[in-house]
PDB file of N, CA and C in Angstrom:
ATOM      1  N   UNK A   1      49.527   3.844 135.139  1.00  0.00           N
ATOM      2  CA  UNK A   1      49.251   5.006 135.955  1.00  0.00           C
ATOM      3  C   UNK A   1      50.438   5.220 136.900  1.00  0.00           C
ATOM      4  N   UNK A   2      50.780   6.470 137.125  1.00  0.00           N
ATOM      5  CA  UNK A   2      51.880   6.805 138.016  1.00  0.00           C
ATOM      6  C   UNK A   2      51.391   6.882 139.461  1.00  0.00           C
ATOM      7  N   UNK A   3      52.308   7.011 140.382  1.00  0.00           N
ATOM      8  CA  UNK A   3      51.937   7.173 141.794  1.00  0.00           C
ATOM      9  C   UNK A   3      51.120   8.450 141.999  1.00  0.00           C
ATOM     10  N   UNK A   4      51.424   9.490 141.234  1.00  0.00           N
ATOM     11  CA  UNK A   4      50.628  10.718 141.326  1.00  0.00           C
ATOM     12  C   UNK A   4      49.205  10.443 140.859  1.00  0.00           C
ATOM     13  N   UNK A   5      49.053   9.717 139.791  1.00  0.00           N
ATOM     14  CA  UNK A   5      47.731   9.346 139.294  1.00  0.00           C
ATOM     15  C   UNK A   5      46.959   8.516 140.305  1.00  0.00           C
ATOM     16  N   UNK A   6      47.637   7.595 140.953  1.00  0.00           N
ATOM     17  CA  UNK A   6      47.016   6.774 141.991  1.00  0.00           C
ATOM     18  C   UNK A   6      46.579   7.659 143.158  1.00  0.00           C
ATOM     19  N   UNK A   7      47.442   8.590 143.547  1.00  0.00           N
ATOM     20  CA  UNK A   7      47.131   9.528 144.635  1.00  0.00           C
ATOM     21  C   UNK A   7      45.882  10.336 144.296  1.00  0.00           C
ATOM     22  N   UNK A   8      45.824  10.859 143.083  1.00  0.00           N
ATOM     23  CA  UNK A   8      44.646  11.621 142.652  1.00  0.00           C
ATOM     24  C   UNK A   8      43.384  10.757 142.691  1.00  0.00           C
ATOM     25  N   UNK A   9      43.487   9.530 142.195  1.00  0.00           N
ATOM     26  CA  UNK A   9      42.333   8.641 142.131  1.00  0.00           C
ATOM     27  C   UNK A   9      41.841   8.258 143.523  1.00  0.00           C
ATOM     28  N   UNK A  10      42.758   7.871 144.404  1.00  0.00           N
ATOM     29  CA  UNK A  10      42.374   7.464 145.759  1.00  0.00           C
ATOM     30  C   UNK A  10      41.676   8.588 146.514  1.00  0.00           C
ATOM     31  N   UNK A  11      42.079   9.811 146.246  1.00  0.00           N
ATOM     32  CA  UNK A  11      41.525  10.949 146.970  1.00  0.00           C
ATOM     33  C   UNK A  11      40.464  11.710 146.169  1.00  0.00           C
ATOM     34  N   UNK A  12      40.073  11.133 145.043  1.00  0.00           N
ATOM     35  CA  UNK A  12      39.048  11.731 144.169  1.00  0.00           C
ATOM     36  C   UNK A  12      39.361  13.187 143.831  1.00  0.00           C
ATOM     37  N   UNK A  13      40.603  13.427 143.434  1.00  0.00           N
ATOM     38  CA  UNK A  13      41.053  14.775 143.090  1.00  0.00           C
ATOM     39  C   UNK A  13      40.810  15.003 141.606  1.00  0.00           C
ATOM     40  N   UNK A  14      40.149  16.108 141.299  1.00  0.00           N
ATOM     41  CA  UNK A  14      39.834  16.471 139.931  1.00  0.00           C
ATOM     42  C   UNK A  14      41.070  17.092 139.276  1.00  0.00           C
ATOM     43  N   UNK A  15      41.568  16.450 138.242  1.00  0.00           N
ATOM     44  CA  UNK A  15      42.795  16.907 137.577  1.00  0.00           C
ATOM     45  C   UNK A  15      42.608  18.244 136.871  1.00  0.00           C
ATOM     46  N   UNK A  16      41.418  18.496 136.370  1.00  0.00           N
ATOM     47  CA  UNK A  16      41.146  19.791 135.725  1.00  0.00           C
ATOM     48  C   UNK A  16      41.226  20.920 136.735  1.00  0.00           C
ATOM     49  N   UNK A  17      40.730  20.674 137.954  1.00  0.00           N
ATOM     50  CA  UNK A  17      40.835  21.677 139.017  1.00  0.00           C
ATOM     51  C   UNK A  17      42.290  21.936 139.377  1.00  0.00           C
ATOM     52  N   UNK A  18      43.067  20.866 139.447  1.00  0.00           N
ATOM     53  CA  UNK A  18      44.494  21.005 139.754  1.00  0.00           C
ATOM     54  C   UNK A  18      45.173  21.845 138.674  1.00  0.00           C
ATOM     55  N   UNK A  19      44.875  21.562 137.422  1.00  0.00           N
ATOM     56  CA  UNK A  19      45.465  22.318 136.312  1.00  0.00           C
ATOM     57  C   UNK A  19      45.081  23.795 136.406  1.00  0.00           C
ATOM     58  N   UNK A  20      43.819  24.050 136.673  1.00  0.00           N
ATOM     59  CA  UNK A  20      43.344  25.437 136.764  1.00  0.00           C
ATOM     60  C   UNK A  20      44.010  26.177 137.927  1.00  0.00           C
ATOM     61  N   UNK A  21      44.102  25.535 139.086  1.00  0.00           N
ATOM     62  CA  UNK A  21      44.662  26.180 140.272  1.00  0.00           C
ATOM     63  C   UNK A  21      46.166  26.387 140.181  1.00  0.00           C
ATOM     64  N   UNK A  22      46.867  25.455 139.530  1.00  0.00           N
ATOM     65  CA  UNK A  22      48.328  25.519 139.489  1.00  0.00           C
ATOM     66  C   UNK A  22      48.887  26.271 138.288  1.00  0.00           C
ATOM     67  N   UNK A  23      48.106  26.337 137.214  1.00  0.00           N
ATOM     68  CA  UNK A  23      48.625  26.912 135.980  1.00  0.00           C
ATOM     69  C   UNK A  23      49.372  25.891 135.135  1.00  0.00           C
ATOM     70  N   UNK A  24      49.435  24.647 135.610  1.00  0.00           N
ATOM     71  CA  UNK A  24      50.044  23.563 134.838  1.00  0.00           C
ATOM     72  C   UNK A  24      48.972  23.065 133.873  1.00  0.00           C
ATOM     73  N   UNK A  25      49.300  23.005 132.580  1.00  0.00           N
ATOM     74  CA  UNK A  25      48.241  22.657 131.620  1.00  0.00           C
ATOM     75  C   UNK A  25      47.737  21.223 131.802  1.00  0.00           C
ATOM     76  N   UNK A  26      46.524  21.000 131.325  1.00  0.00           N
ATOM     77  CA  UNK A  26      45.855  19.702 131.505  1.00  0.00           C
ATOM     78  C   UNK A  26      46.632  18.550 130.894  1.00  0.00           C
ATOM     79  N   UNK A  27      47.278  18.795 129.775  1.00  0.00           N
ATOM     80  CA  UNK A  27      48.067  17.749 129.116  1.00  0.00           C
ATOM     81  C   UNK A  27      49.223  17.322 130.007  1.00  0.00           C
ATOM     82  N   UNK A  28      49.883  18.294 130.610  1.00  0.00           N
ATOM     83  CA  UNK A  28      51.011  17.993 131.503  1.00  0.00           C
ATOM     84  C   UNK A  28      50.522  17.221 132.739  1.00  0.00           C
ATOM     85  N   UNK A  29      49.412  17.645 133.325  1.00  0.00           N
ATOM     86  CA  UNK A  29      48.844  16.936 134.476  1.00  0.00           C
ATOM     87  C   UNK A  29      48.504  15.498 134.082  1.00  0.00           C
ATOM     88  N   UNK A  30      47.933  15.326 132.907  1.00  0.00           N
ATOM     89  CA  UNK A  30      47.593  13.991 132.416  1.00  0.00           C
ATOM     90  C   UNK A  30      48.851  13.141 132.236  1.00  0.00           C
ATOM     91  N   UNK A  31      49.884  13.720 131.652  1.00  0.00           N
ATOM     92  CA  UNK A  31      51.150  13.000 131.473  1.00  0.00           C
ATOM     93  C   UNK A  31      51.754  12.617 132.824  1.00  0.00           C
ATOM     94  N   UNK A  32      51.737  13.540 133.779  1.00  0.00           N
ATOM     95  CA  UNK A  32      52.288  13.262 135.103  1.00  0.00           C
ATOM     96  C   UNK A  32      51.496  12.168 135.818  1.00  0.00           C
ATOM     97  N   UNK A  33      50.221  12.068 135.504  1.00  0.00           N
ATOM     98  CA  UNK A  33      49.349  11.080 136.151  1.00  0.00           C
ATOM     99  C   UNK A  33      49.408   9.704 135.493  1.00  0.00           C
ATOM    100  N   UNK A  34      49.726   9.671 134.196  1.00  0.00           N
ATOM    101  CA  UNK A  34      49.611   8.417 133.449  1.00  0.00           C
ATOM    102  C   UNK A  34      50.903   7.858 132.876  1.00  0.00           C
ATOM    103  N   UNK A  35      51.883   8.703 132.622  1.00  0.00           N
ATOM    104  CA  UNK A  35      53.095   8.267 131.940  1.00  0.00           C
ATOM    105  C   UNK A  35      54.274   8.231 132.914  1.00  0.00           C
ATOM    106  N   UNK A  36      54.735   7.037 133.237  1.00  0.00           N
ATOM    107  CA  UNK A  36      55.818   6.897 134.213  1.00  0.00           C
ATOM    108  C   UNK A  36      57.155   7.455 133.725  1.00  0.00           C
ATOM    109  N   UNK A  37      57.270   7.702 132.427  1.00  0.00           N
ATOM    110  CA  UNK A  37      58.509   8.281 131.907  1.00  0.00           C
ATOM    111  C   UNK A  37      58.543   9.804 132.037  1.00  0.00           C
ATOM    112  N   UNK A  38      57.407  10.407 132.355  1.00  0.00           N
ATOM    113  CA  UNK A  38      57.334  11.854 132.530  1.00  0.00           C
ATOM    114  C   UNK A  38      57.876  12.213 133.904  1.00  0.00           C
ATOM    115  N   UNK A  39      58.831  13.111 133.943  1.00  0.00           N
ATOM    116  CA  UNK A  39      59.473  13.499 135.195  1.00  0.00           C
ATOM    117  C   UNK A  39      58.736  14.669 135.833  1.00  0.00           C
ATOM    118  N   UNK A  40      58.420  14.511 137.101  1.00  0.00           N
ATOM    119  CA  UNK A  40      57.747  15.541 137.878  1.00  0.00           C
ATOM    120  C   UNK A  40      58.791  16.488 138.454  1.00  0.00           C
ATOM    121  N   UNK A  41      58.640  17.761 138.174  1.00  0.00           N
ATOM    122  CA  UNK A  41      59.566  18.761 138.700  1.00  0.00           C
ATOM    123  C   UNK A  41      59.127  19.170 140.107  1.00  0.00           C
ATOM    124  N   UNK A  42      60.088  19.523 140.942  1.00  0.00           N
ATOM    125  CA  UNK A  42      59.786  19.868 142.330  1.00  0.00           C
ATOM    126  C   UNK A  42      58.826  21.060 142.410  1.00  0.00           C
ATOM    127  N   UNK A  43      58.944  22.002 141.489  1.00  0.00           N
ATOM    128  CA  UNK A  43      58.039  23.151 141.482  1.00  0.00           C
ATOM    129  C   UNK A  43      56.607  22.708 141.221  1.00  0.00           C
ATOM    130  N   UNK A  44      56.452  21.742 140.325  1.00  0.00           N
ATOM    131  CA  UNK A  44      55.121  21.217 140.022  1.00  0.00           C
ATOM    132  C   UNK A  44      54.546  20.482 141.235  1.00  0.00           C
ATOM    133  N   UNK A  45      55.375  19.689 141.889  1.00  0.00           N
ATOM    134  CA  UNK A  45      54.941  18.963 143.073  1.00  0.00           C
ATOM    135  C   UNK A  45      54.446  19.935 144.142  1.00  0.00           C
ATOM    136  N   UNK A  46      55.191  20.997 144.363  1.00  0.00           N
ATOM    137  CA  UNK A  46      54.818  21.980 145.377  1.00  0.00           C
ATOM    138  C   UNK A  46      53.510  22.674 145.010  1.00  0.00           C
ATOM    139  N   UNK A  47      53.373  23.083 143.765  1.00  0.00           N
ATOM    140  CA  UNK A  47      52.128  23.735 143.327  1.00  0.00           C
ATOM    141  C   UNK A  47      50.934  22.798 143.445  1.00  0.00           C
ATOM    142  N   UNK A  48      51.129  21.542 143.090  1.00  0.00           N
ATOM    143  CA  UNK A  48      50.047  20.559 143.198  1.00  0.00           C
ATOM    144  C   UNK A  48      49.646  20.387 144.660  1.00  0.00           C
ATOM    145  N   UNK A  49      50.630  20.281 145.546  1.00  0.00           N
ATOM    146  CA  UNK A  49      50.332  20.147 146.977  1.00  0.00           C
ATOM    147  C   UNK A  49      49.526  21.339 147.476  1.00  0.00           C
ATOM    148  N   UNK A  50      49.918  22.533 147.071  1.00  0.00           N
ATOM    149  CA  UNK A  50      49.169  23.728 147.473  1.00  0.00           C
ATOM    150  C   UNK A  50      47.739  23.691 146.935  1.00  0.00           C
ATOM    151  N   UNK A  51      47.591  23.275 145.694  1.00  0.00           N
ATOM    152  CA  UNK A  51      46.276  23.262 145.037  1.00  0.00           C
ATOM    153  C   UNK A  51      45.318  22.269 145.682  1.00  0.00           C
ATOM    154  N   UNK A  52      45.836  21.147 146.153  1.00  0.00           N
ATOM    155  CA  UNK A  52      44.967  20.126 146.740  1.00  0.00           C
ATOM    156  C   UNK A  52      44.956  20.205 148.268  1.00  0.00           C
ATOM    157  N   UNK A  53      45.603  21.227 148.793  1.00  0.00           N
ATOM    158  CA  UNK A  53      45.665  21.474 150.240  1.00  0.00           C
ATOM    159  C   UNK A  53      46.233  20.279 150.996  1.00  0.00           C
ATOM    160  N   UNK A  54      47.354  19.769 150.473  1.00  0.00           N
ATOM    161  CA  UNK A  54      48.077  18.670 151.106  1.00  0.00           C
ATOM    162  C   UNK A  54      49.444  19.174 151.544  1.00  0.00           C
ATOM    163  N   UNK A  55      49.998  18.533 152.546  1.00  0.00           N
ATOM    164  CA  UNK A  55      51.366  18.855 152.949  1.00  0.00           C
ATOM    165  C   UNK A  55      52.306  18.362 151.847  1.00  0.00           C
ATOM    166  N   UNK A  56      53.216  19.205 151.381  1.00  0.00           N
ATOM    167  CA  UNK A  56      54.135  18.772 150.327  1.00  0.00           C
ATOM    168  C   UNK A  56      54.899  17.492 150.677  1.00  0.00           C
ATOM    169  N   UNK A  57      55.296  17.334 151.936  1.00  0.00           N
ATOM    170  CA  UNK A  57      56.022  16.122 152.337  1.00  0.00           C
ATOM    171  C   UNK A  57      55.149  14.875 152.210  1.00  0.00           C
ATOM    172  N   UNK A  58      53.875  15.006 152.552  1.00  0.00           N
ATOM    173  CA  UNK A  58      52.942  13.879 152.429  1.00  0.00           C
ATOM    174  C   UNK A  58      52.833  13.442 150.975  1.00  0.00           C
ATOM    175  N   UNK A  59      52.666  14.411 150.094  1.00  0.00           N
ATOM    176  CA  UNK A  59      52.555  14.119 148.668  1.00  0.00           C
ATOM    177  C   UNK A  59      53.859  13.524 148.144  1.00  0.00           C
ATOM    178  N   UNK A  60      54.970  14.094 148.552  1.00  0.00           N
ATOM    179  CA  UNK A  60      56.281  13.613 148.133  1.00  0.00           C
ATOM    180  C   UNK A  60      56.487  12.157 148.554  1.00  0.00           C
ATOM    181  N   UNK A  61      56.153  11.835 149.802  1.00  0.00           N
ATOM    182  CA  UNK A  61      56.307  10.460 150.295  1.00  0.00           C
ATOM    183  C   UNK A  61      55.400   9.491 149.538  1.00  0.00           C
ATOM    184  N   UNK A  62      54.198   9.919 149.232  1.00  0.00           N
ATOM    185  CA  UNK A  62      53.256   9.059 148.510  1.00  0.00           C
ATOM    186  C   UNK A  62      53.754   8.762 147.097  1.00  0.00           C
ATOM    187  N   UNK A  63      54.314   9.769 146.455  1.00  0.00           N
ATOM    188  CA  UNK A  63      54.763   9.617 145.072  1.00  0.00           C
ATOM    189  C   UNK A  63      56.076   8.844 144.974  1.00  0.00           C
ATOM    190  N   UNK A  64      56.946   9.025 145.946  1.00  0.00           N
ATOM    191  CA  UNK A  64      58.285   8.420 145.892  1.00  0.00           C
ATOM    192  C   UNK A  64      58.444   7.239 146.834  1.00  0.00           C
ATOM    193  N   UNK A  65      57.339   6.618 147.239  1.00  0.00           N
ATOM    194  CA  UNK A  65      57.390   5.570 148.255  1.00  0.00           C
ATOM    195  C   UNK A  65      58.236   4.360 147.866  1.00  0.00           C
ATOM    196  N   UNK A  66      58.431   4.119 146.596  1.00  0.00           N
ATOM    197  CA  UNK A  66      59.192   2.949 146.148  1.00  0.00           C
ATOM    198  C   UNK A  66      60.678   3.226 145.959  1.00  0.00           C
ATOM    199  N   UNK A  67      61.103   4.459 146.132  1.00  0.00           N
ATOM    200  CA  UNK A  67      62.526   4.770 145.978  1.00  0.00           C
ATOM    201  C   UNK A  67      63.311   4.332 147.208  1.00  0.00           C
ATOM    202  N   UNK A  68      64.429   3.699 146.984  1.00  0.00           N
ATOM    203  CA  UNK A  68      65.296   3.230 148.052  1.00  0.00           C
ATOM    204  C   UNK A  68      66.742   3.539 147.690  1.00  0.00           C
ATOM    205  N   UNK A  69      67.555   3.739 148.689  1.00  0.00           N
ATOM    206  CA  UNK A  69      68.989   3.900 148.454  1.00  0.00           C
ATOM    207  C   UNK A  69      69.562   2.572 148.008  1.00  0.00           C
ATOM    208  N   UNK A  70      70.542   2.616 147.087  1.00  0.00           N
ATOM    209  CA  UNK A  70      71.177   1.354 146.687  1.00  0.00           C
ATOM    210  C   UNK A  70      71.963   0.795 147.861  1.00  0.00           C
ATOM    211  N   UNK A  71      72.081  -0.524 147.888  1.00  0.00           N
ATOM    212  CA  UNK A  71      72.849  -1.164 148.958  1.00  0.00           C
ATOM    213  C   UNK A  71      74.321  -0.797 148.830  1.00  0.00           C
ATOM    214  N   UNK A  72      74.900  -0.459 149.953  1.00  0.00           N
ATOM    215  CA  UNK A  72      76.298  -0.071 149.981  1.00  0.00           C
ATOM    216  C   UNK A  72      77.194  -1.308 149.916  1.00  0.00           C
ATOM    217  N   UNK A  73      78.327  -1.154 149.263  1.00  0.00           N
ATOM    218  CA  UNK A  73      79.290  -2.258 149.152  1.00  0.00           C
ATOM    219  C   UNK A  73      80.183  -2.305 150.395  1.00  0.00           C
ATOM    220  N   UNK A  74      80.068  -1.317 151.259  1.00  0.00           N
ATOM    221  CA  UNK A  74      80.952  -1.248 152.435  1.00  0.00           C
ATOM    222  C   UNK A  74      80.314  -1.807 153.641  1.00  0.00           C
TER     223      UNK A  74
END
């Protein structure tokens, strides 16, 4: 499960409702929720945030919480 999938599960968000509200098809929502190799586009992230009435930054931080800058050699 991806971080988006975890976010949906923790908040009991219905993926079918998200698909209906955003226009993103159910298969794509399922892939974004379950397949870590599926890349989430910024437009999709924004539409999902609007659909679930979340702040886009909150959703972005939740999904990308494990990303870190590489250590600098300088």
